[in-house]
Amino acid sequence: MTALWTAEDVRKAVNGKGSGEWSASGVSIDTRSLQPGDLFIALSGPNFDAHEFLDDAFSAGAAAAIVSRPLPAQGPLVEVEDTLQALTQLGAAGRARTSARIVAVTGSSGKTSTKEMLVAALSAQGRTHGSAASHNNHWGVPLSLARLPRDADYGVFEVGMNHSGEIRPLARLIRPSVAVITNIGMAHLEHLGSREAIAAAKAEIFEGVSVGGRAVLPRDSAHWEFLTQAARKAGVDEIRSFGEHGQADLRLMGWIAAEGGGEVQVALEGREMTYHLSLPGRHQAMNSLAVLAAVQDLEGDVDLAALALGRLEAMPGRGARQQVRLPDGGHFTLLDESYNANPLSMAAALGVLGATEPQQGGRRIAVLGDMLELGEEATRSHEALADDLTGNAVDQAFLAGPLMGALARRLPGELLGAHADTSAGLTQTLQQSVRSGDVVLVKGSLGSRMRVVVEALMAVDQPQTKQANGG
């Protein structure tokens, strides 16, 4: 296997002190997921210091470690002044040495799904590297770049933010050939104050686009004009658009929902094409148009990319769908959207629930947690979900968190299943309420801890499983 990093490469990249020859096949900042042969970077923060886990790293097979102070260790060390800065420098070196064509994705929602679709679409064209999970912040982006193989043909990176000014340095680190903005919504409104400020923060991604690079933008957005002007001001003249707008370069002509996905009909470059998308929801169909636009900008094969989109599986917490057995032998369908939420993604997820038919005797059940970081719009945004619930034929809603109290007060008694202060407060009620044929959507902001609900619902079949195993 070709080494990802050699000792000399690392010491030069981070201006570090150390000796000895070694090579690393990967890069890790967490001993719990570290693989043998990884280079371990001991980051430190207000509530943790990874230097304390140095022995664990070498016991797990670390090839070497980057540290900010001399320590006794079981393996070779590279000493630097600041390990986070060293990670950023290593990411920059990884970007500088590659000839891969790079895509960066940002937006108020759909970033990770779009990134995963791009990885699948480009993997059909060549060797593709994508950022893991949601590694989209000040440490996740450089870590993903540091993991970029030397011989990759394509690289796909997700860029997120909570405040203005956070995307700019990340975009300049990535230096994408193509920058994609999925949409502009209300996520992080509490910190930024207005949708216009959110659009401006997302537009920072253009400042990192490489010379001759391109942008892929949502034509239906109310901020279309602002985004295109911001792109051109940053020197990005080639812009491709997607959406339902009559002037979109890739225009969504139709979406037919099907079990676990749907059929997308799109008009592009004077022709129409139809392809299967394995991720459910009209919003995912729209994201897939952004993917095909980016593939076009990279001069890839759009038909091959569209074919790959039919084989993609939704990630846990981001639309994963599974059948859960009940003790009586029946089963219900669980839609796991528990990773995060904002008004745009919540409406989209409820649309997926509305398009999913329950089995005989079943109901559509929405289990919703607070949407956070909405500032003064929080109460209004939660109340507005009442229309999404009724508009998507939801039979019962179980709500968790103080903000969801605003929605609970708007719902008629027959629609409101229960409201609890925390997600954990709903678990027992839900376990007793769910029945065969139901379709259950679980969604909320990460801080609402809706994963607790998902785990409780998945556990309803455990007594039966134990009995079957003789437990």
Protein backbone atom coordinates (compact mmCIF):
# COMPACT_ATOMS: atom_id res chain seq x y z
CA MET A 1 0.00 0.00 0.00
CA THR A 2 1.29 3.47 -0.92
CA ALA A 3 1.99 5.60 2.13
CA LEU A 4 -0.34 8.55 2.64
CA TRP A 5 2.33 10.43 4.58
CA THR A 6 6.02 9.82 5.25
CA ALA A 7 7.87 11.16 8.27
CA GLU A 8 9.76 13.65 6.12
CA ASP A 9 6.55 14.88 4.44
CA VAL A 10 4.86 15.44 7.78
CA ARG A 11 7.76 17.21 9.46
CA LYS A 12 8.12 19.52 6.46
CA ALA A 13 4.39 20.24 6.23
CA VAL A 14 3.95 21.14 9.92
CA ASN A 15 7.45 22.53 10.58
CA GLY A 16 7.80 19.91 13.30
CA LYS A 17 10.69 18.49 15.24
CA GLY A 18 11.34 14.77 15.37
CA SER A 19 13.51 11.99 14.08
CA GLY A 20 13.25 8.55 12.58
CA GLU A 21 11.67 7.20 9.45
CA TRP A 22 8.09 5.99 9.40
CA SER A 23 5.05 6.20 7.16
CA ALA A 24 1.34 6.55 7.86
CA SER A 25 -1.59 5.13 5.89
CA GLY A 26 -4.19 7.43 7.48
CA VAL A 27 -4.75 10.37 9.82
CA SER A 28 -6.75 10.29 13.07
CA ILE A 29 -7.64 12.66 15.91
CA ASP A 30 -9.63 10.10 17.93
CA THR A 31 -8.19 6.93 19.47
CA ARG A 32 -11.65 5.33 19.46
CA SER A 33 -11.67 5.20 15.66
CA LEU A 34 -7.93 5.10 15.02
CA GLN A 35 -6.78 2.39 12.62
CA PRO A 36 -3.37 0.65 12.66
CA GLY A 37 -0.94 2.73 10.64
CA ASP A 38 -2.68 6.07 11.27
CA LEU A 39 -0.87 9.26 12.18
CA PHE A 40 -2.42 10.48 15.45
CA ILE A 41 -2.79 14.24 16.00
CA ALA A 42 -3.25 15.12 19.68
CA LEU A 43 -5.66 18.05 19.63
CA SER A 44 -6.46 19.98 22.79
CA GLY A 45 -9.58 21.94 23.69
CA PRO A 46 -11.32 23.58 26.65
CA ASN A 47 -12.72 20.27 27.88
CA PHE A 48 -10.22 17.70 26.63
CA ASP A 49 -6.56 17.06 25.89
CA ALA A 50 -5.80 14.20 23.50
CA HIS A 51 -2.22 14.07 24.78
CA GLU A 52 -3.68 12.06 27.66
CA PHE A 53 -4.56 9.30 25.17
CA LEU A 54 -1.15 9.01 23.57
CA ASP A 55 -0.54 5.55 25.01
CA ASP A 56 -3.95 4.43 23.74
CA ALA A 57 -3.07 5.68 20.27
CA PHE A 58 0.16 3.70 20.06
CA SER A 59 -1.49 0.65 21.62
CA ALA A 60 -4.06 0.83 18.81
CA GLY A 61 -1.27 0.81 16.23
CA ALA A 62 -0.56 4.48 15.50
CA ALA A 63 2.45 4.94 13.20
CA ALA A 64 3.40 8.24 14.87
CA ALA A 65 1.86 11.17 16.70
CA ILE A 66 1.92 14.95 16.41
CA VAL A 67 2.12 16.57 19.87
CA SER A 68 2.65 20.05 21.28
CA ARG A 69 4.86 19.06 24.21
CA PRO A 70 7.57 16.44 24.81
CA LEU A 71 6.14 13.28 26.33
CA PRO A 72 7.32 9.72 26.87
CA ALA A 73 5.71 7.62 24.14
CA GLN A 74 5.68 4.14 22.65
CA GLY A 75 6.38 5.45 19.16
CA PRO A 76 7.80 8.32 17.10
CA LEU A 77 6.63 11.89 17.78
CA VAL A 78 6.54 15.10 15.78
CA GLU A 79 6.60 18.09 18.12
CA VAL A 80 4.91 21.36 17.11
CA GLU A 81 3.78 24.52 18.88
CA ASP A 82 0.06 24.01 18.20
CA THR A 83 -1.49 20.71 17.08
CA LEU A 84 -4.62 22.29 15.56
CA GLN A 85 -2.42 24.57 13.49
CA ALA A 86 -0.38 21.51 12.50
CA LEU A 87 -3.56 19.75 11.37
CA THR A 88 -4.46 22.77 9.24
CA GLN A 89 -0.95 22.84 7.76
CA LEU A 90 -1.12 19.12 6.99
CA GLY A 91 -4.48 19.63 5.28
CA ALA A 92 -3.03 22.48 3.21
CA ALA A 93 -0.10 20.27 2.20
CA GLY A 94 -2.50 17.49 1.22
CA ARG A 95 -4.38 19.93 -0.98
CA ALA A 96 -1.21 21.41 -2.50
CA ARG A 97 0.21 18.09 -3.66
CA THR A 98 -2.93 16.69 -5.32
CA SER A 99 -4.01 16.94 -8.92
CA ALA A 100 -7.55 15.85 -8.01
CA ARG A 101 -10.48 17.94 -9.16
CA ILE A 102 -12.11 19.34 -6.03
CA VAL A 103 -15.74 20.12 -5.17
CA ALA A 104 -16.89 21.99 -2.03
CA VAL A 105 -20.51 21.87 -0.83
CA THR A 106 -22.31 24.22 1.55
CA GLY A 107 -25.91 25.28 2.20
CA SER A 108 -28.48 25.58 4.96
CA SER A 109 -29.56 21.96 4.57
CA GLY A 110 -28.73 18.95 2.43
CA LYS A 111 -24.95 19.43 2.58
CA THR A 112 -24.09 15.92 3.73
CA SER A 113 -26.61 14.19 1.47
CA THR A 114 -25.37 16.18 -1.53
CA LYS A 115 -21.77 15.41 -0.61
CA GLU A 116 -22.56 11.70 -0.40
CA MET A 117 -24.36 11.81 -3.76
CA LEU A 118 -21.35 13.54 -5.30
CA VAL A 119 -19.00 10.92 -3.91
CA ALA A 120 -21.17 8.17 -5.41
CA ALA A 121 -21.53 9.97 -8.76
CA LEU A 122 -17.81 10.73 -9.08
CA SER A 123 -16.72 7.30 -7.85
CA ALA A 124 -18.26 5.97 -11.05
CA GLN A 125 -15.81 8.21 -12.95
CA GLY A 126 -12.57 7.73 -11.02
CA ARG A 127 -10.95 7.37 -7.62
CA THR A 128 -12.89 9.67 -5.30
CA HIS A 129 -12.24 10.85 -1.75
CA GLY A 130 -14.95 12.51 0.35
CA SER A 131 -15.03 14.00 3.81
CA ALA A 132 -16.34 11.55 6.40
CA ALA A 133 -19.68 12.12 8.17
CA SER A 134 -20.11 15.87 8.72
CA HIS A 135 -16.45 16.83 9.01
CA ASN A 136 -17.16 20.36 7.83
CA ASN A 137 -15.67 22.71 10.44
CA HIS A 138 -12.29 24.17 11.44
CA TRP A 139 -10.86 20.74 12.27
CA GLY A 140 -13.04 18.53 10.04
CA VAL A 141 -12.07 20.20 6.77
CA PRO A 142 -8.28 20.06 7.30
CA LEU A 143 -8.59 16.48 8.59
CA SER A 144 -10.45 15.50 5.42
CA LEU A 145 -7.82 17.21 3.26
CA ALA A 146 -5.03 15.50 5.18
CA ARG A 147 -6.68 12.18 4.34
CA LEU A 148 -6.86 12.95 0.60
CA PRO A 149 -4.90 10.21 -1.24
CA ARG A 150 -2.09 11.40 -3.48
CA ASP A 151 -3.56 9.67 -6.53
CA ALA A 152 -7.22 10.65 -6.10
CA ASP A 153 -9.03 11.82 -9.23
CA TYR A 154 -11.74 13.71 -7.34
CA GLY A 155 -12.20 15.17 -3.86
CA VAL A 156 -15.53 16.19 -2.31
CA PHE A 157 -15.61 18.34 0.82
CA GLU A 158 -18.46 19.65 2.95
CA VAL A 159 -18.25 23.14 4.47
CA GLY A 160 -20.42 24.28 7.38
CA MET A 161 -20.67 27.26 9.67
CA ASN A 162 -22.47 28.73 12.67
CA HIS A 163 -21.20 32.30 12.35
CA SER A 164 -20.15 34.74 9.67
CA GLY A 165 -16.51 34.44 8.63
CA GLU A 166 -16.18 30.70 9.29
CA ILE A 167 -16.53 29.47 5.69
CA ARG A 168 -13.95 31.86 4.21
CA PRO A 169 -10.77 30.25 5.63
CA LEU A 170 -12.10 26.75 4.96
CA ALA A 171 -12.91 27.57 1.34
CA ARG A 172 -9.44 29.05 0.88
CA LEU A 173 -7.98 25.86 2.33
CA ILE A 174 -10.00 23.62 0.00
CA ARG A 175 -9.58 25.78 -3.14
CA PRO A 176 -12.39 23.98 -5.00
CA SER A 177 -12.73 23.77 -8.75
CA VAL A 178 -16.50 23.77 -8.22
CA ALA A 179 -18.44 25.36 -5.34
CA VAL A 180 -22.00 24.12 -4.69
CA ILE A 181 -24.62 25.92 -2.59
CA THR A 182 -27.64 23.68 -2.00
CA ASN A 183 -30.03 26.32 -0.60
CA ILE A 184 -30.39 29.28 1.75
CA GLY A 185 -32.65 28.66 4.74
CA MET A 186 -33.02 29.71 8.37
CA ALA A 187 -30.40 27.47 9.97
CA HIS A 188 -28.23 29.47 12.44
CA LEU A 189 -30.56 32.48 12.22
CA GLU A 190 -29.96 33.10 15.93
CA HIS A 191 -26.27 33.85 15.27
CA LEU A 192 -26.60 35.62 11.92
CA GLY A 193 -29.80 37.62 12.35
CA SER A 194 -31.34 37.42 8.86
CA ARG A 195 -31.55 35.25 5.76
CA GLU A 196 -29.57 37.88 3.91
CA ALA A 197 -26.74 37.48 6.41
CA ILE A 198 -26.95 33.70 6.01
CA ALA A 199 -26.68 34.08 2.22
CA ALA A 200 -23.65 36.35 2.65
CA ALA A 201 -22.00 33.82 4.96
CA LYS A 202 -22.59 30.99 2.48
CA ALA A 203 -21.25 33.17 -0.35
CA GLU A 204 -17.86 33.22 1.38
CA ILE A 205 -17.25 29.88 -0.34
CA PHE A 206 -16.67 31.71 -3.64
CA GLU A 207 -13.55 33.37 -2.21
CA GLY A 208 -11.76 30.03 -2.22
CA VAL A 209 -12.68 28.89 -5.74
CA SER A 210 -9.56 28.26 -7.82
CA VAL A 211 -8.82 30.30 -10.94
CA GLY A 212 -11.16 29.24 -13.73
CA GLY A 213 -13.45 27.50 -11.23
CA ARG A 214 -17.24 27.39 -11.30
CA ALA A 215 -20.28 27.68 -9.05
CA VAL A 216 -23.49 25.64 -8.88
CA LEU A 217 -26.39 27.64 -7.40
CA PRO A 218 -30.13 27.17 -6.62
CA ARG A 219 -32.09 29.11 -9.27
CA ASP A 220 -35.30 29.06 -7.20
CA SER A 221 -33.67 30.83 -4.26
CA ALA A 222 -34.84 34.31 -3.33
CA HIS A 223 -31.12 35.08 -3.00
CA TRP A 224 -30.23 34.01 -6.57
CA GLU A 225 -29.23 37.50 -7.71
CA PHE A 226 -27.17 38.15 -4.60
CA LEU A 227 -25.36 34.81 -4.90
CA THR A 228 -24.55 35.25 -8.57
CA GLN A 229 -23.24 38.78 -7.97
CA ALA A 230 -21.15 37.57 -5.02
CA ALA A 231 -19.70 34.77 -7.15
CA ARG A 232 -18.74 37.13 -9.96
CA LYS A 233 -17.28 39.64 -7.51
CA ALA A 234 -15.04 36.84 -6.23
CA GLY A 235 -13.93 36.08 -9.79
CA VAL A 236 -16.23 33.10 -10.47
CA ASP A 237 -17.77 33.83 -13.85
CA GLU A 238 -19.01 30.37 -14.85
CA ILE A 239 -22.27 29.66 -13.01
CA ARG A 240 -24.60 26.71 -13.51
CA SER A 241 -28.07 26.75 -11.97
CA PHE A 242 -30.53 24.06 -10.88
CA GLY A 243 -34.17 24.11 -9.79
CA GLU A 244 -37.72 24.32 -11.08
CA HIS A 245 -37.24 27.83 -12.46
CA GLY A 246 -37.81 28.12 -16.19
CA GLN A 247 -34.29 29.50 -16.67
CA ALA A 248 -32.48 26.85 -14.61
CA ASP A 249 -29.70 25.09 -16.51
CA LEU A 250 -30.81 21.81 -14.92
CA ARG A 251 -34.57 21.98 -14.52
CA LEU A 252 -36.62 19.59 -12.42
CA MET A 253 -39.50 18.55 -14.67
CA GLY A 254 -40.98 15.84 -12.50
CA TRP A 255 -40.61 13.78 -9.35
CA ILE A 256 -42.53 10.55 -8.75
CA ALA A 257 -42.12 9.19 -5.23
CA ALA A 258 -41.58 5.46 -4.82
CA GLU A 259 -40.71 3.15 -1.95
CA GLY A 260 -37.33 4.27 -0.62
CA GLY A 261 -36.74 6.83 -3.36
CA GLY A 262 -38.28 8.00 -6.60
CA GLU A 263 -37.94 8.81 -10.27
CA VAL A 264 -36.44 12.14 -11.29
CA GLN A 265 -37.16 13.78 -14.62
CA VAL A 266 -34.79 16.61 -15.54
CA ALA A 267 -34.17 18.82 -18.55
CA LEU A 268 -30.53 19.65 -19.24
CA GLU A 269 -28.66 20.95 -22.24
CA GLY A 270 -31.61 20.58 -24.58
CA ARG A 271 -32.53 17.04 -23.63
CA GLU A 272 -34.61 15.30 -21.00
CA MET A 273 -33.46 12.38 -18.89
CA THR A 274 -35.07 10.26 -16.21
CA TYR A 275 -33.20 8.42 -13.50
CA HIS A 276 -33.90 6.58 -10.27
CA LEU A 277 -32.80 8.21 -7.02
CA SER A 278 -32.58 5.89 -4.03
CA LEU A 279 -33.01 8.69 -1.46
CA PRO A 280 -36.62 9.69 -0.69
CA GLY A 281 -38.04 13.17 -1.00
CA ARG A 282 -38.44 15.95 -3.53
CA HIS A 283 -35.69 17.87 -1.72
CA GLN A 284 -33.26 15.04 -2.47
CA ALA A 285 -34.31 15.13 -6.11
CA MET A 286 -33.38 18.82 -6.10
CA ASN A 287 -30.04 18.03 -4.45
CA SER A 288 -29.39 15.44 -7.14
CA LEU A 289 -29.70 18.16 -9.79
CA ALA A 290 -26.93 20.09 -8.03
CA VAL A 291 -24.84 16.92 -8.14
CA LEU A 292 -25.32 16.44 -11.88
CA ALA A 293 -24.52 20.12 -12.46
CA ALA A 294 -21.23 19.71 -10.57
CA VAL A 295 -20.41 16.56 -12.54
CA GLN A 296 -21.00 18.52 -15.74
CA ASP A 297 -18.66 21.26 -14.54
CA LEU A 298 -15.99 18.61 -13.91
CA GLU A 299 -16.54 17.32 -17.46
CA GLY A 300 -17.75 13.98 -16.11
CA ASP A 301 -20.28 11.55 -17.57
CA VAL A 302 -23.72 12.73 -16.39
CA ASP A 303 -25.51 9.51 -17.41
CA LEU A 304 -23.02 7.41 -15.47
CA ALA A 305 -23.42 9.72 -12.49
CA ALA A 306 -27.22 9.48 -12.62
CA LEU A 307 -27.00 5.69 -12.68
CA ALA A 308 -24.86 5.75 -9.52
CA LEU A 309 -27.50 7.82 -7.69
CA GLY A 310 -29.88 4.89 -7.86
CA ARG A 311 -27.57 2.75 -5.74
CA LEU A 312 -26.92 5.16 -2.87
CA GLU A 313 -28.09 4.27 0.65
CA ALA A 314 -29.30 6.89 3.12
CA MET A 315 -27.12 7.42 6.19
CA PRO A 316 -28.25 6.83 9.80
CA GLY A 317 -29.77 10.05 11.11
CA ARG A 318 -30.11 11.41 7.57
CA GLY A 319 -33.03 9.56 6.07
CA ALA A 320 -32.11 5.93 6.75
CA ARG A 321 -35.20 3.74 6.49
CA GLN A 322 -35.65 0.36 8.14
CA GLN A 323 -38.29 -2.12 9.18
CA VAL A 324 -38.49 -2.72 12.93
CA ARG A 325 -40.12 -5.87 14.21
CA LEU A 326 -42.66 -5.76 17.01
CA PRO A 327 -43.04 -8.40 19.74
CA ASP A 328 -46.36 -9.49 18.19
CA GLY A 329 -44.64 -10.36 14.90
CA GLY A 330 -45.72 -7.26 13.01
CA HIS A 331 -43.43 -4.43 12.00
CA PHE A 332 -43.32 -0.68 11.48
CA THR A 333 -41.20 1.56 9.25
CA LEU A 334 -38.71 3.89 10.94
CA LEU A 335 -37.49 7.01 9.09
CA ASP A 336 -34.36 8.17 10.90
CA GLU A 337 -33.79 11.90 10.36
CA SER A 338 -32.49 12.42 13.88
CA TYR A 339 -29.14 14.06 13.10
CA ASN A 340 -30.29 17.65 12.67
CA ALA A 341 -33.15 19.95 11.73
CA ASN A 342 -34.11 23.42 10.59
CA PRO A 343 -37.41 24.70 9.13
CA LEU A 344 -36.38 23.84 5.56
CA SER A 345 -35.22 20.29 6.31
CA MET A 346 -38.11 19.66 8.72
CA ALA A 347 -40.66 20.52 6.04
CA ALA A 348 -38.81 18.28 3.58
CA ALA A 349 -38.76 15.35 6.01
CA LEU A 350 -42.47 15.72 6.73
CA GLY A 351 -43.01 15.69 2.97
CA VAL A 352 -41.23 12.32 2.83
CA LEU A 353 -43.47 11.04 5.65
CA GLY A 354 -46.53 12.25 3.77
CA ALA A 355 -45.40 10.43 0.62
CA THR A 356 -44.85 7.15 2.51
CA GLU A 357 -47.90 4.93 2.67
CA PRO A 358 -48.52 3.09 5.97
CA GLN A 359 -49.33 -0.59 5.81
CA GLN A 360 -52.85 -1.83 6.59
CA GLY A 361 -54.03 -0.40 9.90
CA GLY A 362 -50.94 1.78 10.23
CA ARG A 363 -50.55 5.52 10.81
CA ARG A 364 -48.15 8.31 9.93
CA ILE A 365 -46.41 9.35 13.14
CA ALA A 366 -44.05 12.34 13.47
CA VAL A 367 -41.69 12.47 16.43
CA LEU A 368 -40.18 15.94 16.42
CA GLY A 369 -37.57 17.65 18.62
CA ASP A 370 -36.73 21.32 18.98
CA MET A 371 -35.16 23.18 16.05
CA LEU A 372 -32.35 25.20 17.62
CA GLU A 373 -30.47 28.41 16.76
CA LEU A 374 -33.49 30.17 15.22
CA GLY A 375 -33.39 33.24 17.47
CA GLU A 376 -36.49 35.44 17.36
CA GLU A 377 -38.02 33.20 14.68
CA ALA A 378 -38.04 30.13 16.94
CA THR A 379 -41.66 30.31 18.15
CA ARG A 380 -43.07 31.21 14.74
CA SER A 381 -41.06 28.50 12.99
CA HIS A 382 -42.26 25.79 15.36
CA GLU A 383 -45.89 26.93 15.14
CA ALA A 384 -45.67 26.85 11.33
CA LEU A 385 -45.03 23.11 11.42
CA ALA A 386 -48.73 22.59 12.17
CA ASP A 387 -49.51 23.20 8.50
CA ASP A 388 -46.78 20.75 7.42
CA LEU A 389 -48.23 18.09 9.71
CA THR A 390 -51.81 18.43 8.49
CA GLY A 391 -50.71 18.96 4.89
CA ASN A 392 -48.88 15.64 4.91
CA ALA A 393 -51.71 13.63 6.50
CA VAL A 394 -49.82 12.97 9.75
CA ASP A 395 -52.03 11.05 12.18
CA GLN A 396 -50.14 11.72 15.40
CA ALA A 397 -47.31 13.98 16.51
CA PHE A 398 -45.08 13.31 19.52
CA LEU A 399 -43.08 16.40 20.46
CA ALA A 400 -39.95 16.89 22.58
CA GLY A 401 -38.46 20.07 23.98
CA PRO A 402 -39.62 23.48 25.25
CA LEU A 403 -39.73 25.07 21.77
CA MET A 404 -42.04 22.32 20.52
CA GLY A 405 -44.49 23.52 23.16
CA ALA A 406 -45.48 26.28 20.71
CA LEU A 407 -46.46 23.63 18.17
CA ALA A 408 -48.20 21.47 20.78
CA ARG A 409 -50.50 24.37 21.68
CA ARG A 410 -51.56 24.72 18.04
CA LEU A 411 -52.43 21.07 17.44
CA PRO A 412 -55.88 19.56 17.99
CA GLY A 413 -56.08 16.93 20.69
CA GLU A 414 -56.47 14.01 18.29
CA LEU A 415 -53.26 14.97 16.46
CA LEU A 416 -51.07 15.57 19.51
CA GLY A 417 -49.86 12.21 20.83
CA ALA A 418 -47.72 13.65 23.63
CA HIS A 419 -45.37 16.50 24.48
CA ALA A 420 -42.39 16.02 26.80
CA ASP A 421 -39.62 18.33 28.00
CA THR A 422 -36.92 16.01 26.64
CA SER A 423 -36.57 13.29 24.02
CA ALA A 424 -36.02 10.72 26.76
CA GLY A 425 -39.41 11.66 28.19
CA LEU A 426 -41.11 10.35 25.04
CA THR A 427 -39.46 6.96 24.73
CA GLN A 428 -41.73 4.86 26.94
CA THR A 429 -44.91 6.41 25.54
CA LEU A 430 -43.72 5.79 21.98
CA GLN A 431 -42.72 2.20 22.65
CA GLN A 432 -46.23 1.56 23.95
CA SER A 433 -47.97 3.51 21.17
CA VAL A 434 -46.30 2.23 18.00
CA ARG A 435 -48.13 -0.55 16.20
CA SER A 436 -47.82 -2.71 13.12
CA GLY A 437 -48.06 -0.85 9.82
CA ASP A 438 -47.03 2.54 11.24
CA VAL A 439 -44.53 4.84 9.53
CA VAL A 440 -42.57 6.77 12.18
CA LEU A 441 -40.43 9.81 11.37
CA VAL A 442 -37.92 10.99 13.98
CA LYS A 443 -36.33 14.42 13.46
CA GLY A 444 -34.86 17.28 15.49
CA SER A 445 -31.74 19.37 15.96
CA LEU A 446 -28.68 17.53 17.21
CA GLY A 447 -28.96 19.24 20.58
CA SER A 448 -32.48 17.83 20.96
CA ARG A 449 -30.97 14.35 21.26
CA MET A 450 -33.54 12.62 19.06
CA ARG A 451 -31.15 9.73 18.54
CA VAL A 452 -32.36 8.58 21.97
CA VAL A 453 -35.83 8.11 20.46
CA VAL A 454 -34.47 6.19 17.46
CA GLU A 455 -32.59 3.80 19.75
CA ALA A 456 -35.68 3.28 21.91
CA LEU A 457 -37.84 2.48 18.89
CA MET A 458 -35.25 0.10 17.47
CA ALA A 459 -35.23 -1.68 20.83
CA VAL A 460 -38.91 -2.64 20.82
CA ASP A 461 -38.10 -6.02 19.26
CA GLN A 462 -35.36 -6.93 21.74
CA PRO A 463 -37.53 -9.09 24.04
CA GLN A 464 -38.54 -11.21 21.04
CA THR A 465 -34.94 -11.43 19.83
CA LYS A 466 -33.69 -12.56 23.24
CA GLN A 467 -36.38 -15.21 23.46
CA ALA A 468 -35.51 -16.48 19.99
CA ASN A 469 -31.87 -16.76 21.05
CA GLY A 470 -32.77 -18.53 24.25
CA GLY A 471 -31.85 -15.47 26.37
